[in-house]
């Protein structure tokens, strides 16, 4: 009986890590992908808008290097490697955006509060009230 109790206790102690929930990956839709592609492609044009921001009430961060594309093959949704290539092809626009984020004290402070370097940013969406949605890579 003691052996059975010890075995059940050992099984109970070992089971929780195996039964722990797996972190869920966010479902990516074509709309999300289009917004990200647009932000990276329009990075240079958005630099002028970033320079004019006077207040940043909120910041949303989307990691492009953790982007998960669906497993079916006919998807038009880009993956992390596609976003890296897109940012490299638009390097001059991305650089202008990064410089604008660094030059504006309000955006520089908003990024610093979140531990984000302007060099990580590949694209941005700016709302009418100055809120930012940043599209970043973990490493510049």
C-alpha atoms as a PDB file:
ATOM      1  CA  UNK A   1       0.000   0.000   0.000  1.00  0.00           C
ATOM      2  CA  UNK A   2       2.850   2.387   0.841  1.00  0.00           C
ATOM      3  CA  UNK A   3       4.456   1.669  -2.506  1.00  0.00           C
ATOM      4  CA  UNK A   4       1.197   2.480  -4.299  1.00  0.00           C
ATOM      5  CA  UNK A   5       0.832   5.751  -2.373  1.00  0.00           C
ATOM      6  CA  UNK A   6       4.430   6.692  -3.123  1.00  0.00           C
ATOM      7  CA  UNK A   7       3.924   5.874  -6.799  1.00  0.00           C
ATOM      8  CA  UNK A   8       0.721   7.956  -6.977  1.00  0.00           C
ATOM      9  CA  UNK A   9       2.431  10.843  -5.182  1.00  0.00           C
ATOM     10  CA  UNK A  10       5.371  10.687  -7.599  1.00  0.00           C
ATOM     11  CA  UNK A  11       2.972  10.615 -10.548  1.00  0.00           C
ATOM     12  CA  UNK A  12       1.025  13.568  -9.145  1.00  0.00           C
ATOM     13  CA  UNK A  13       4.185  15.613  -8.590  1.00  0.00           C
ATOM     14  CA  UNK A  14       5.535  14.841 -12.071  1.00  0.00           C
ATOM     15  CA  UNK A  15       2.228  15.348 -13.908  1.00  0.00           C
ATOM     16  CA  UNK A  16       1.600  19.112 -13.553  1.00  0.00           C
ATOM     17  CA  UNK A  17       4.464  20.215 -15.855  1.00  0.00           C
ATOM     18  CA  UNK A  18       3.257  17.767 -18.463  1.00  0.00           C
ATOM     19  CA  UNK A  19      -0.316  19.015 -18.108  1.00  0.00           C
ATOM     20  CA  UNK A  20       0.570  22.712 -17.981  1.00  0.00           C
ATOM     21  CA  UNK A  21      -1.115  24.722 -20.711  1.00  0.00           C
ATOM     22  CA  UNK A  22       0.961  25.562 -23.743  1.00  0.00           C
ATOM     23  CA  UNK A  23       1.246  29.306 -24.377  1.00  0.00           C
ATOM     24  CA  UNK A  24      -1.144  30.168 -27.163  1.00  0.00           C
ATOM     25  CA  UNK A  25       0.056  31.853 -30.304  1.00  0.00           C
ATOM     26  CA  UNK A  26      -2.119  34.654 -31.542  1.00  0.00           C
ATOM     27  CA  UNK A  27      -4.092  33.949 -34.648  1.00  0.00           C
ATOM     28  CA  UNK A  28      -2.860  36.111 -37.482  1.00  0.00           C
ATOM     29  CA  UNK A  29      -5.341  37.236 -40.103  1.00  0.00           C
ATOM     30  CA  UNK A  30      -4.695  38.741 -43.500  1.00  0.00           C
ATOM     31  CA  UNK A  31      -5.821  42.123 -42.129  1.00  0.00           C
ATOM     32  CA  UNK A  32      -3.128  41.956 -39.410  1.00  0.00           C
ATOM     33  CA  UNK A  33      -0.528  41.030 -41.999  1.00  0.00           C
ATOM     34  CA  UNK A  34      -1.628  43.808 -44.357  1.00  0.00           C
ATOM     35  CA  UNK A  35      -1.375  46.375 -41.556  1.00  0.00           C
ATOM     36  CA  UNK A  36       2.127  45.178 -40.680  1.00  0.00           C
ATOM     37  CA  UNK A  37       3.272  45.196 -44.315  1.00  0.00           C
ATOM     38  CA  UNK A  38       1.794  48.670 -44.769  1.00  0.00           C
ATOM     39  CA  UNK A  39       3.562  49.943 -41.642  1.00  0.00           C
ATOM     40  CA  UNK A  40       6.948  48.649 -42.803  1.00  0.00           C
ATOM     41  CA  UNK A  41       6.486  49.804 -46.405  1.00  0.00           C
ATOM     42  CA  UNK A  42       5.310  53.245 -45.263  1.00  0.00           C
ATOM     43  CA  UNK A  43       7.969  53.702 -42.593  1.00  0.00           C
ATOM     44  CA  UNK A  44       9.699  56.568 -44.403  1.00  0.00           C
ATOM     45  CA  UNK A  45       6.430  58.439 -45.017  1.00  0.00           C
ATOM     46  CA  UNK A  46       5.355  58.028 -41.401  1.00  0.00           C
ATOM     47  CA  UNK A  47       8.585  59.570 -40.140  1.00  0.00           C
ATOM     48  CA  UNK A  48       7.178  63.054 -40.813  1.00  0.00           C
ATOM     49  CA  UNK A  49       4.056  62.256 -38.814  1.00  0.00           C
ATOM     50  CA  UNK A  50       6.157  60.886 -35.930  1.00  0.00           C
ATOM     51  CA  UNK A  51       8.129  64.151 -35.768  1.00  0.00           C
ATOM     52  CA  UNK A  52       4.876  66.078 -35.150  1.00  0.00           C
ATOM     53  CA  UNK A  53       3.618  63.955 -32.227  1.00  0.00           C
ATOM     54  CA  UNK A  54       3.200  66.011 -29.045  1.00  0.00           C
ATOM     55  CA  UNK A  55       1.745  63.302 -26.768  1.00  0.00           C
ATOM     56  CA  UNK A  56       1.733  59.482 -26.790  1.00  0.00           C
ATOM     57  CA  UNK A  57      -1.227  58.252 -24.712  1.00  0.00           C
ATOM     58  CA  UNK A  58      -0.644  54.580 -25.492  1.00  0.00           C
ATOM     59  CA  UNK A  59       1.733  52.243 -27.269  1.00  0.00           C
ATOM     60  CA  UNK A  60       0.983  48.845 -28.739  1.00  0.00           C
ATOM     61  CA  UNK A  61       3.828  46.559 -29.721  1.00  0.00           C
ATOM     62  CA  UNK A  62       3.703  43.863 -32.389  1.00  0.00           C
ATOM     63  CA  UNK A  63       6.739  41.580 -32.657  1.00  0.00           C
ATOM     64  CA  UNK A  64       7.462  40.775 -36.292  1.00  0.00           C
ATOM     65  CA  UNK A  65      10.038  38.128 -35.423  1.00  0.00           C
ATOM     66  CA  UNK A  66       7.434  36.076 -33.577  1.00  0.00           C
ATOM     67  CA  UNK A  67       4.911  36.255 -36.388  1.00  0.00           C
ATOM     68  CA  UNK A  68       3.227  32.920 -36.957  1.00  0.00           C
ATOM     69  CA  UNK A  69       1.846  32.181 -40.386  1.00  0.00           C
ATOM     70  CA  UNK A  70      -0.783  29.497 -40.786  1.00  0.00           C
ATOM     71  CA  UNK A  71       0.347  26.007 -41.663  1.00  0.00           C
ATOM     72  CA  UNK A  72      -1.627  25.757 -44.886  1.00  0.00           C
ATOM     73  CA  UNK A  73       0.511  26.379 -47.935  1.00  0.00           C
ATOM     74  CA  UNK A  74      -1.682  28.712 -49.992  1.00  0.00           C
ATOM     75  CA  UNK A  75      -1.607  31.467 -47.386  1.00  0.00           C
ATOM     76  CA  UNK A  76      -0.663  34.992 -48.402  1.00  0.00           C
ATOM     77  CA  UNK A  77       0.307  35.803 -44.819  1.00  0.00           C
ATOM     78  CA  UNK A  78       4.045  36.558 -44.497  1.00  0.00           C
ATOM     79  CA  UNK A  79       6.162  34.971 -41.793  1.00  0.00           C
ATOM     80  CA  UNK A  80       8.985  36.438 -39.688  1.00  0.00           C
ATOM     81  CA  UNK A  81      11.601  35.921 -42.416  1.00  0.00           C
ATOM     82  CA  UNK A  82       9.387  37.723 -44.934  1.00  0.00           C
ATOM     83  CA  UNK A  83       9.117  40.721 -42.602  1.00  0.00           C
ATOM     84  CA  UNK A  84      12.885  40.785 -42.101  1.00  0.00           C
ATOM     85  CA  UNK A  85      13.383  40.853 -45.888  1.00  0.00           C
ATOM     86  CA  UNK A  86      10.712  43.546 -46.281  1.00  0.00           C
ATOM     87  CA  UNK A  87      12.446  45.733 -43.683  1.00  0.00           C
ATOM     88  CA  UNK A  88      15.815  45.234 -45.412  1.00  0.00           C
ATOM     89  CA  UNK A  89      14.344  46.180 -48.793  1.00  0.00           C
ATOM     90  CA  UNK A  90      12.897  49.337 -47.263  1.00  0.00           C
ATOM     91  CA  UNK A  91      15.989  50.065 -45.166  1.00  0.00           C
ATOM     92  CA  UNK A  92      16.140  53.783 -46.014  1.00  0.00           C
ATOM     93  CA  UNK A  93      12.517  54.374 -44.987  1.00  0.00           C
ATOM     94  CA  UNK A  94      12.928  52.315 -41.818  1.00  0.00           C
ATOM     95  CA  UNK A  95      16.048  54.302 -40.952  1.00  0.00           C
ATOM     96  CA  UNK A  96      14.191  57.629 -41.412  1.00  0.00           C
ATOM     97  CA  UNK A  97      11.441  56.354 -39.108  1.00  0.00           C
ATOM     98  CA  UNK A  98      13.941  55.240 -36.480  1.00  0.00           C
ATOM     99  CA  UNK A  99      15.669  58.619 -36.620  1.00  0.00           C
ATOM    100  CA  UNK A 100      12.328  60.407 -36.216  1.00  0.00           C
ATOM    101  CA  UNK A 101      11.424  58.240 -33.203  1.00  0.00           C
ATOM    102  CA  UNK A 102      14.809  59.032 -31.649  1.00  0.00           C
ATOM    103  CA  UNK A 103      14.642  62.768 -32.422  1.00  0.00           C
ATOM    104  CA  UNK A 104      11.169  63.335 -30.948  1.00  0.00           C
ATOM    105  CA  UNK A 105      11.514  63.511 -27.134  1.00  0.00           C
ATOM    106  CA  UNK A 106       7.934  62.324 -26.590  1.00  0.00           C
ATOM    107  CA  UNK A 107       8.271  59.181 -28.711  1.00  0.00           C
ATOM    108  CA  UNK A 108      11.802  58.522 -27.427  1.00  0.00           C
ATOM    109  CA  UNK A 109      10.474  58.564 -23.845  1.00  0.00           C
ATOM    110  CA  UNK A 110       7.464  56.371 -24.718  1.00  0.00           C
ATOM    111  CA  UNK A 111       9.764  53.747 -26.244  1.00  0.00           C
ATOM    112  CA  UNK A 112      12.256  53.951 -23.373  1.00  0.00           C
ATOM    113  CA  UNK A 113       9.472  53.299 -20.826  1.00  0.00           C
ATOM    114  CA  UNK A 114       8.826  50.009 -22.593  1.00  0.00           C
ATOM    115  CA  UNK A 115      12.476  49.091 -23.025  1.00  0.00           C
ATOM    116  CA  UNK A 116      12.355  49.468 -26.800  1.00  0.00           C
ATOM    117  CA  UNK A 117      15.187  50.958 -28.798  1.00  0.00           C
ATOM    118  CA  UNK A 118      14.188  52.985 -31.858  1.00  0.00           C
ATOM    119  CA  UNK A 119      16.579  50.734 -33.796  1.00  0.00           C
ATOM    120  CA  UNK A 120      14.200  47.797 -33.180  1.00  0.00           C
ATOM    121  CA  UNK A 121      11.280  49.524 -34.920  1.00  0.00           C
ATOM    122  CA  UNK A 122      10.561  48.555 -38.529  1.00  0.00           C
ATOM    123  CA  UNK A 123       7.159  50.207 -38.879  1.00  0.00           C
ATOM    124  CA  UNK A 124       4.562  52.239 -37.029  1.00  0.00           C
ATOM    125  CA  UNK A 125       0.928  53.213 -37.183  1.00  0.00           C
ATOM    126  CA  UNK A 126       0.068  56.575 -35.680  1.00  0.00           C
ATOM    127  CA  UNK A 127      -3.481  57.247 -34.561  1.00  0.00           C
ATOM    128  CA  UNK A 128      -5.094  60.686 -34.581  1.00  0.00           C
ATOM    129  CA  UNK A 129      -4.489  61.125 -30.832  1.00  0.00           C
ATOM    130  CA  UNK A 130      -0.791  60.188 -31.044  1.00  0.00           C
ATOM    131  CA  UNK A 131      -1.112  56.573 -29.941  1.00  0.00           C
ATOM    132  CA  UNK A 132       1.456  54.323 -31.552  1.00  0.00           C
ATOM    133  CA  UNK A 133       1.377  50.759 -32.766  1.00  0.00           C
ATOM    134  CA  UNK A 134       4.977  49.712 -33.212  1.00  0.00           C
ATOM    135  CA  UNK A 135       6.095  46.827 -35.402  1.00  0.00           C
ATOM    136  CA  UNK A 136       9.422  45.701 -34.003  1.00  0.00           C
ATOM    137  CA  UNK A 137      12.097  43.046 -34.139  1.00  0.00           C
ATOM    138  CA  UNK A 138      13.607  41.735 -30.919  1.00  0.00           C
ATOM    139  CA  UNK A 139      17.074  42.693 -32.113  1.00  0.00           C
ATOM    140  CA  UNK A 140      17.896  45.617 -34.377  1.00  0.00           C
END
